[in-house]
Amino acid sequence: MIEHIENPRALTALFGDDFDFMNVNLHEVVVHRDGPSLRLRFDIPQVPQSPPARWPASANTTQIVLQAGPIEELQITGFTSLCSGILRSLTDQGAPLLEFTASGCSVKCKFVSLRVESVTGYINA
């Protein structure tokens, strides 16, 4: 996954190599006509050992926003109030493909570039 992200330092500076997208809780999928682009907002259960000072002291999960664009193909199937699944980046016929798969929900998107838009501490109650 990290190999397709243009600015991986946004994640590796916090986690090193100690994170994955195998247990992602998807909050939001936004499709925007500019680009066109796709934005995914999700949580991962990992929290950095030394979180930034601006994060809440009791943060128990990390919220990440990824932006893909321009997008070339997009498929969204289903959506539920709890979308916990696997997020991965693959290559499909030479083009990068972002894929989220969960029970009752899937998102597949071919894109040109993928960026970390934000990484924040989050309190999952």
N, C-alpha and C. Protein backbone atom coordinates (compact mmCIF):
# COMPACT_ATOMS: atom_id res chain seq x y z
N MET A 1 0.83 -1.20 0.00
CA MET A 1 0.00 0.00 0.00
C MET A 1 0.87 1.25 0.00
N ILE A 2 1.84 1.29 0.87
CA ILE A 2 2.67 2.48 1.05
C ILE A 2 3.40 2.86 -0.23
N GLU A 3 3.68 1.88 -1.09
CA GLU A 3 4.44 2.15 -2.31
C GLU A 3 3.69 3.04 -3.29
N HIS A 4 2.36 3.11 -3.20
CA HIS A 4 1.58 3.96 -4.09
C HIS A 4 1.31 5.35 -3.51
N ILE A 5 1.65 5.58 -2.25
CA ILE A 5 1.38 6.87 -1.62
C ILE A 5 2.51 7.83 -1.94
N GLU A 6 2.17 9.02 -2.46
CA GLU A 6 3.17 10.01 -2.86
C GLU A 6 3.92 10.61 -1.68
N ASN A 7 3.24 10.73 -0.53
CA ASN A 7 3.87 11.33 0.65
C ASN A 7 3.83 10.35 1.84
N PRO A 8 4.51 9.21 1.71
CA PRO A 8 4.44 8.20 2.77
C PRO A 8 5.02 8.66 4.10
N ARG A 9 5.86 9.69 4.08
CA ARG A 9 6.46 10.18 5.32
C ARG A 9 5.40 10.64 6.31
N ALA A 10 4.24 11.06 5.83
CA ALA A 10 3.15 11.46 6.72
C ALA A 10 2.77 10.31 7.65
N LEU A 11 2.98 9.08 7.21
CA LEU A 11 2.68 7.90 8.03
C LEU A 11 3.95 7.32 8.66
N THR A 12 5.01 7.18 7.88
CA THR A 12 6.21 6.53 8.40
C THR A 12 6.90 7.36 9.48
N ALA A 13 6.75 8.68 9.45
CA ALA A 13 7.33 9.51 10.50
C ALA A 13 6.68 9.22 11.86
N LEU A 14 5.41 8.83 11.84
CA LEU A 14 4.69 8.52 13.09
C LEU A 14 4.83 7.06 13.50
N PHE A 15 4.78 6.16 12.53
CA PHE A 15 4.69 4.73 12.83
C PHE A 15 5.90 3.91 12.43
N GLY A 16 6.82 4.47 11.66
CA GLY A 16 7.86 3.63 11.08
C GLY A 16 7.16 2.66 10.14
N ASP A 17 7.50 1.39 10.25
CA ASP A 17 6.83 0.38 9.44
C ASP A 17 5.78 -0.38 10.24
N ASP A 18 5.46 0.12 11.44
CA ASP A 18 4.58 -0.59 12.36
C ASP A 18 3.11 -0.15 12.23
N PHE A 19 2.57 -0.28 11.02
CA PHE A 19 1.15 -0.01 10.82
C PHE A 19 0.69 -0.80 9.59
N ASP A 20 -0.59 -1.02 9.51
CA ASP A 20 -1.14 -1.65 8.32
C ASP A 20 -2.58 -1.19 8.16
N PHE A 21 -3.16 -1.57 7.07
CA PHE A 21 -4.54 -1.20 6.76
C PHE A 21 -5.41 -2.45 6.69
N MET A 22 -5.13 -3.42 7.58
CA MET A 22 -5.88 -4.68 7.60
C MET A 22 -7.11 -4.61 8.48
N ASN A 23 -7.21 -3.57 9.31
CA ASN A 23 -8.36 -3.43 10.21
C ASN A 23 -8.80 -1.95 10.18
N VAL A 24 -9.40 -1.57 9.07
CA VAL A 24 -9.78 -0.19 8.81
C VAL A 24 -11.26 -0.01 9.10
N ASN A 25 -11.58 1.06 9.83
CA ASN A 25 -12.98 1.42 10.09
C ASN A 25 -13.29 2.64 9.22
N LEU A 26 -13.99 2.41 8.12
CA LEU A 26 -14.27 3.46 7.15
C LEU A 26 -15.42 4.34 7.63
N HIS A 27 -15.17 5.65 7.73
CA HIS A 27 -16.17 6.61 8.16
C HIS A 27 -16.87 7.29 6.99
N GLU A 28 -16.08 7.60 5.95
CA GLU A 28 -16.60 8.51 4.93
C GLU A 28 -15.95 8.24 3.58
N VAL A 29 -16.76 8.32 2.53
CA VAL A 29 -16.30 8.26 1.15
C VAL A 29 -16.83 9.51 0.47
N VAL A 30 -15.94 10.33 -0.07
CA VAL A 30 -16.34 11.56 -0.74
C VAL A 30 -15.81 11.53 -2.16
N VAL A 31 -16.70 11.76 -3.11
CA VAL A 31 -16.32 11.86 -4.52
C VAL A 31 -16.50 13.33 -4.90
N HIS A 32 -15.44 13.91 -5.45
CA HIS A 32 -15.48 15.33 -5.80
C HIS A 32 -15.22 15.48 -7.29
N ARG A 33 -15.93 16.39 -7.91
CA ARG A 33 -15.79 16.57 -9.35
C ARG A 33 -14.46 17.18 -9.75
N ASP A 34 -13.83 17.93 -8.84
CA ASP A 34 -12.51 18.49 -9.15
C ASP A 34 -11.50 17.36 -9.16
N GLY A 35 -10.89 17.17 -10.28
CA GLY A 35 -9.92 16.09 -10.44
C GLY A 35 -10.33 15.12 -11.53
N PRO A 36 -11.39 14.39 -11.40
CA PRO A 36 -12.19 14.10 -10.20
C PRO A 36 -11.35 13.36 -9.16
N SER A 37 -11.79 13.46 -7.90
CA SER A 37 -11.02 12.85 -6.82
C SER A 37 -11.93 12.05 -5.88
N LEU A 38 -11.29 11.18 -5.14
CA LEU A 38 -11.95 10.35 -4.13
C LEU A 38 -11.22 10.57 -2.81
N ARG A 39 -11.98 10.76 -1.76
CA ARG A 39 -11.40 10.93 -0.42
C ARG A 39 -12.00 9.87 0.49
N LEU A 40 -11.12 9.15 1.20
CA LEU A 40 -11.55 8.17 2.19
C LEU A 40 -11.08 8.63 3.56
N ARG A 41 -11.99 8.67 4.53
CA ARG A 41 -11.64 8.98 5.92
C ARG A 41 -11.90 7.73 6.74
N PHE A 42 -10.88 7.27 7.47
CA PHE A 42 -10.97 6.00 8.18
C PHE A 42 -10.07 6.00 9.40
N ASP A 43 -10.33 5.05 10.29
CA ASP A 43 -9.52 4.84 11.49
C ASP A 43 -8.71 3.55 11.33
N ILE A 44 -7.52 3.57 11.94
CA ILE A 44 -6.77 2.34 12.16
C ILE A 44 -6.54 2.25 13.66
N PRO A 45 -6.47 1.04 14.22
CA PRO A 45 -6.35 0.91 15.68
C PRO A 45 -4.98 1.28 16.24
N GLN A 46 -3.96 1.40 15.41
CA GLN A 46 -2.63 1.74 15.89
C GLN A 46 -2.55 3.22 16.27
N VAL A 47 -1.80 3.49 17.33
CA VAL A 47 -1.50 4.86 17.76
C VAL A 47 0.02 4.95 17.87
N PRO A 48 0.63 6.03 17.39
CA PRO A 48 2.09 6.14 17.48
C PRO A 48 2.57 6.08 18.94
N GLN A 49 3.76 5.53 19.15
CA GLN A 49 4.34 5.49 20.50
C GLN A 49 4.56 6.89 21.04
N SER A 50 4.93 7.81 20.17
CA SER A 50 5.12 9.21 20.56
C SER A 50 4.21 10.08 19.69
N PRO A 51 2.94 10.19 20.05
CA PRO A 51 2.02 10.98 19.21
C PRO A 51 2.36 12.47 19.26
N PRO A 52 1.99 13.20 18.22
CA PRO A 52 2.22 14.64 18.22
C PRO A 52 1.53 15.31 19.42
N ALA A 53 2.10 16.39 19.90
CA ALA A 53 1.58 17.10 21.08
C ALA A 53 0.17 17.62 20.86
N ARG A 54 -0.19 17.91 19.62
CA ARG A 54 -1.52 18.47 19.35
C ARG A 54 -2.64 17.42 19.39
N TRP A 55 -2.26 16.14 19.43
CA TRP A 55 -3.27 15.09 19.51
C TRP A 55 -3.88 15.04 20.91
N PRO A 56 -5.14 14.63 21.02
CA PRO A 56 -5.72 14.45 22.36
C PRO A 56 -4.89 13.44 23.16
N ALA A 57 -4.69 13.71 24.43
CA ALA A 57 -3.88 12.83 25.28
C ALA A 57 -4.47 11.43 25.36
N SER A 58 -5.77 11.31 25.26
CA SER A 58 -6.43 10.00 25.38
C SER A 58 -6.76 9.38 24.02
N ALA A 59 -6.13 9.84 22.95
CA ALA A 59 -6.36 9.26 21.63
C ALA A 59 -6.06 7.76 21.66
N ASN A 60 -7.00 6.97 21.19
CA ASN A 60 -6.82 5.52 21.20
C ASN A 60 -6.90 4.90 19.80
N THR A 61 -6.95 5.75 18.81
CA THR A 61 -6.95 5.29 17.43
C THR A 61 -6.41 6.43 16.56
N THR A 62 -6.06 6.13 15.33
CA THR A 62 -5.55 7.14 14.41
C THR A 62 -6.51 7.28 13.25
N GLN A 63 -6.88 8.51 12.97
CA GLN A 63 -7.78 8.76 11.84
C GLN A 63 -6.95 9.32 10.68
N ILE A 64 -7.16 8.73 9.50
CA ILE A 64 -6.38 9.07 8.31
C ILE A 64 -7.35 9.46 7.20
N VAL A 65 -6.96 10.46 6.42
CA VAL A 65 -7.70 10.81 5.22
C VAL A 65 -6.75 10.63 4.04
N LEU A 66 -7.15 9.77 3.11
CA LEU A 66 -6.40 9.56 1.86
C LEU A 66 -7.18 10.20 0.72
N GLN A 67 -6.45 10.81 -0.21
CA GLN A 67 -7.09 11.37 -1.39
C GLN A 67 -6.46 10.76 -2.63
N ALA A 68 -7.30 10.24 -3.51
CA ALA A 68 -6.88 9.67 -4.78
C ALA A 68 -7.41 10.55 -5.90
N GLY A 69 -6.55 10.83 -6.87
CA GLY A 69 -7.03 11.60 -7.99
C GLY A 69 -5.90 11.88 -8.98
N PRO A 70 -6.22 12.21 -10.17
CA PRO A 70 -7.53 12.04 -10.72
C PRO A 70 -7.93 10.56 -10.73
N ILE A 71 -9.19 10.32 -10.48
CA ILE A 71 -9.67 8.94 -10.52
C ILE A 71 -10.12 8.62 -11.94
N GLU A 72 -9.91 7.38 -12.33
CA GLU A 72 -10.24 6.96 -13.69
C GLU A 72 -11.43 6.02 -13.72
N GLU A 73 -11.57 5.21 -12.69
CA GLU A 73 -12.71 4.32 -12.56
C GLU A 73 -13.09 4.26 -11.10
N LEU A 74 -14.38 4.13 -10.81
CA LEU A 74 -14.84 4.06 -9.43
C LEU A 74 -16.03 3.13 -9.34
N GLN A 75 -15.98 2.26 -8.32
CA GLN A 75 -17.09 1.35 -8.05
C GLN A 75 -17.32 1.32 -6.55
N ILE A 76 -18.54 1.67 -6.12
CA ILE A 76 -18.93 1.60 -4.71
C ILE A 76 -20.11 0.66 -4.63
N THR A 77 -20.00 -0.35 -3.77
CA THR A 77 -21.07 -1.32 -3.60
C THR A 77 -21.46 -1.37 -2.14
N GLY A 78 -22.70 -1.00 -1.84
CA GLY A 78 -23.20 -1.05 -0.47
C GLY A 78 -22.52 -0.07 0.44
N PHE A 79 -23.09 0.14 1.60
CA PHE A 79 -22.50 0.93 2.66
C PHE A 79 -23.33 0.67 3.90
N THR A 80 -22.67 0.56 5.04
CA THR A 80 -23.38 0.31 6.29
C THR A 80 -22.89 1.30 7.34
N SER A 81 -23.53 1.31 8.49
CA SER A 81 -23.10 2.22 9.55
C SER A 81 -21.80 1.76 10.21
N LEU A 82 -21.40 0.53 9.98
CA LEU A 82 -20.12 0.02 10.47
C LEU A 82 -19.42 -0.70 9.33
N CYS A 83 -18.47 -0.03 8.73
CA CYS A 83 -17.70 -0.60 7.62
C CYS A 83 -16.29 -0.87 8.09
N SER A 84 -16.05 -2.03 8.64
CA SER A 84 -14.71 -2.43 9.09
C SER A 84 -14.17 -3.47 8.13
N GLY A 85 -13.03 -3.18 7.54
CA GLY A 85 -12.49 -4.12 6.56
C GLY A 85 -11.03 -3.86 6.26
N ILE A 86 -10.64 -4.24 5.06
CA ILE A 86 -9.24 -4.19 4.61
C ILE A 86 -9.11 -3.15 3.51
N LEU A 87 -8.11 -2.29 3.62
CA LEU A 87 -7.79 -1.31 2.59
C LEU A 87 -6.44 -1.67 2.01
N ARG A 88 -6.37 -1.75 0.70
CA ARG A 88 -5.10 -2.07 0.07
C ARG A 88 -4.98 -1.37 -1.27
N SER A 89 -3.76 -1.26 -1.73
CA SER A 89 -3.46 -0.67 -3.01
C SER A 89 -2.79 -1.74 -3.86
N LEU A 90 -3.34 -1.97 -5.03
CA LEU A 90 -2.86 -3.00 -5.93
C LEU A 90 -2.50 -2.38 -7.27
N THR A 91 -2.04 -3.18 -8.17
CA THR A 91 -1.84 -2.75 -9.55
C THR A 91 -2.72 -3.63 -10.43
N ASP A 92 -3.55 -2.98 -11.25
CA ASP A 92 -4.46 -3.69 -12.14
C ASP A 92 -4.16 -3.26 -13.57
N GLN A 93 -3.60 -4.15 -14.35
CA GLN A 93 -3.22 -3.88 -15.73
C GLN A 93 -2.36 -2.63 -15.83
N GLY A 94 -1.39 -2.52 -14.91
CA GLY A 94 -0.44 -1.42 -14.92
C GLY A 94 -0.90 -0.15 -14.23
N ALA A 95 -2.17 -0.09 -13.82
CA ALA A 95 -2.70 1.12 -13.17
C ALA A 95 -2.90 0.83 -11.68
N PRO A 96 -2.59 1.82 -10.82
CA PRO A 96 -2.83 1.62 -9.39
C PRO A 96 -4.33 1.56 -9.09
N LEU A 97 -4.68 0.67 -8.17
CA LEU A 97 -6.07 0.45 -7.78
C LEU A 97 -6.16 0.48 -6.27
N LEU A 98 -7.03 1.33 -5.74
CA LEU A 98 -7.30 1.39 -4.31
C LEU A 98 -8.54 0.55 -4.06
N GLU A 99 -8.47 -0.37 -3.08
CA GLU A 99 -9.58 -1.28 -2.84
C GLU A 99 -9.86 -1.41 -1.35
N PHE A 100 -11.08 -1.12 -0.96
CA PHE A 100 -11.55 -1.35 0.40
C PHE A 100 -12.60 -2.43 0.33
N THR A 101 -12.46 -3.46 1.18
CA THR A 101 -13.39 -4.57 1.19
C THR A 101 -13.84 -4.86 2.61
N ALA A 102 -15.16 -4.89 2.81
CA ALA A 102 -15.75 -5.21 4.11
C ALA A 102 -17.06 -5.93 3.86
N SER A 103 -17.61 -6.51 4.90
CA SER A 103 -18.91 -7.14 4.80
C SER A 103 -19.97 -6.06 4.54
N GLY A 104 -20.64 -6.13 3.42
CA GLY A 104 -21.69 -5.17 3.09
C GLY A 104 -21.22 -3.89 2.46
N CYS A 105 -19.91 -3.79 2.15
CA CYS A 105 -19.39 -2.54 1.59
C CYS A 105 -18.10 -2.81 0.83
N SER A 106 -17.97 -2.21 -0.35
CA SER A 106 -16.68 -2.24 -1.05
C SER A 106 -16.52 -0.98 -1.88
N VAL A 107 -15.26 -0.56 -2.01
CA VAL A 107 -14.91 0.60 -2.82
C VAL A 107 -13.70 0.19 -3.64
N LYS A 108 -13.77 0.41 -4.95
CA LYS A 108 -12.64 0.16 -5.83
C LYS A 108 -12.45 1.39 -6.69
N CYS A 109 -11.19 1.81 -6.82
CA CYS A 109 -10.92 3.05 -7.54
C CYS A 109 -9.57 2.97 -8.24
N LYS A 110 -9.55 3.17 -9.55
CA LYS A 110 -8.29 3.34 -10.28
C LYS A 110 -7.95 4.82 -10.23
N PHE A 111 -6.68 5.10 -9.96
CA PHE A 111 -6.27 6.49 -9.75
C PHE A 111 -4.90 6.76 -10.36
N VAL A 112 -4.57 8.03 -10.45
CA VAL A 112 -3.25 8.44 -10.94
C VAL A 112 -2.31 8.67 -9.76
N SER A 113 -2.78 9.39 -8.73
CA SER A 113 -1.94 9.64 -7.57
C SER A 113 -2.73 9.44 -6.28
N LEU A 114 -2.01 9.11 -5.21
CA LEU A 114 -2.61 8.86 -3.90
C LEU A 114 -1.80 9.61 -2.87
N ARG A 115 -2.49 10.41 -2.05
CA ARG A 115 -1.82 11.23 -1.04
C ARG A 115 -2.47 11.09 0.31
N VAL A 116 -1.65 11.20 1.35
CA VAL A 116 -2.17 11.31 2.71
C VAL A 116 -2.55 12.77 2.90
N GLU A 117 -3.82 13.02 3.14
CA GLU A 117 -4.29 14.39 3.33
C GLU A 117 -4.17 14.82 4.80
N SER A 118 -4.47 13.89 5.71
CA SER A 118 -4.32 14.21 7.13
C SER A 118 -4.18 12.94 7.95
N VAL A 119 -3.51 13.10 9.11
CA VAL A 119 -3.35 12.02 10.09
C VAL A 119 -3.58 12.69 11.46
N THR A 120 -4.58 12.22 12.19
CA THR A 120 -4.91 12.83 13.48
C THR A 120 -5.22 11.78 14.52
N GLY A 121 -5.02 12.17 15.76
CA GLY A 121 -5.41 11.31 16.87
C GLY A 121 -6.93 11.39 17.04
N TYR A 122 -7.53 10.30 17.44
CA TYR A 122 -8.99 10.22 17.54
C TYR A 122 -9.34 9.41 18.78
N ILE A 123 -10.37 9.83 19.46
CA ILE A 123 -10.85 9.09 20.63
C ILE A 123 -12.05 8.28 20.20
N ASN A 124 -11.87 6.97 20.14
CA ASN A 124 -12.92 6.06 19.74
C ASN A 124 -13.60 5.56 21.02
N ALA A 125 -14.78 6.09 21.29
CA ALA A 125 -15.48 5.75 22.53
C ALA A 125 -16.19 4.42 22.45
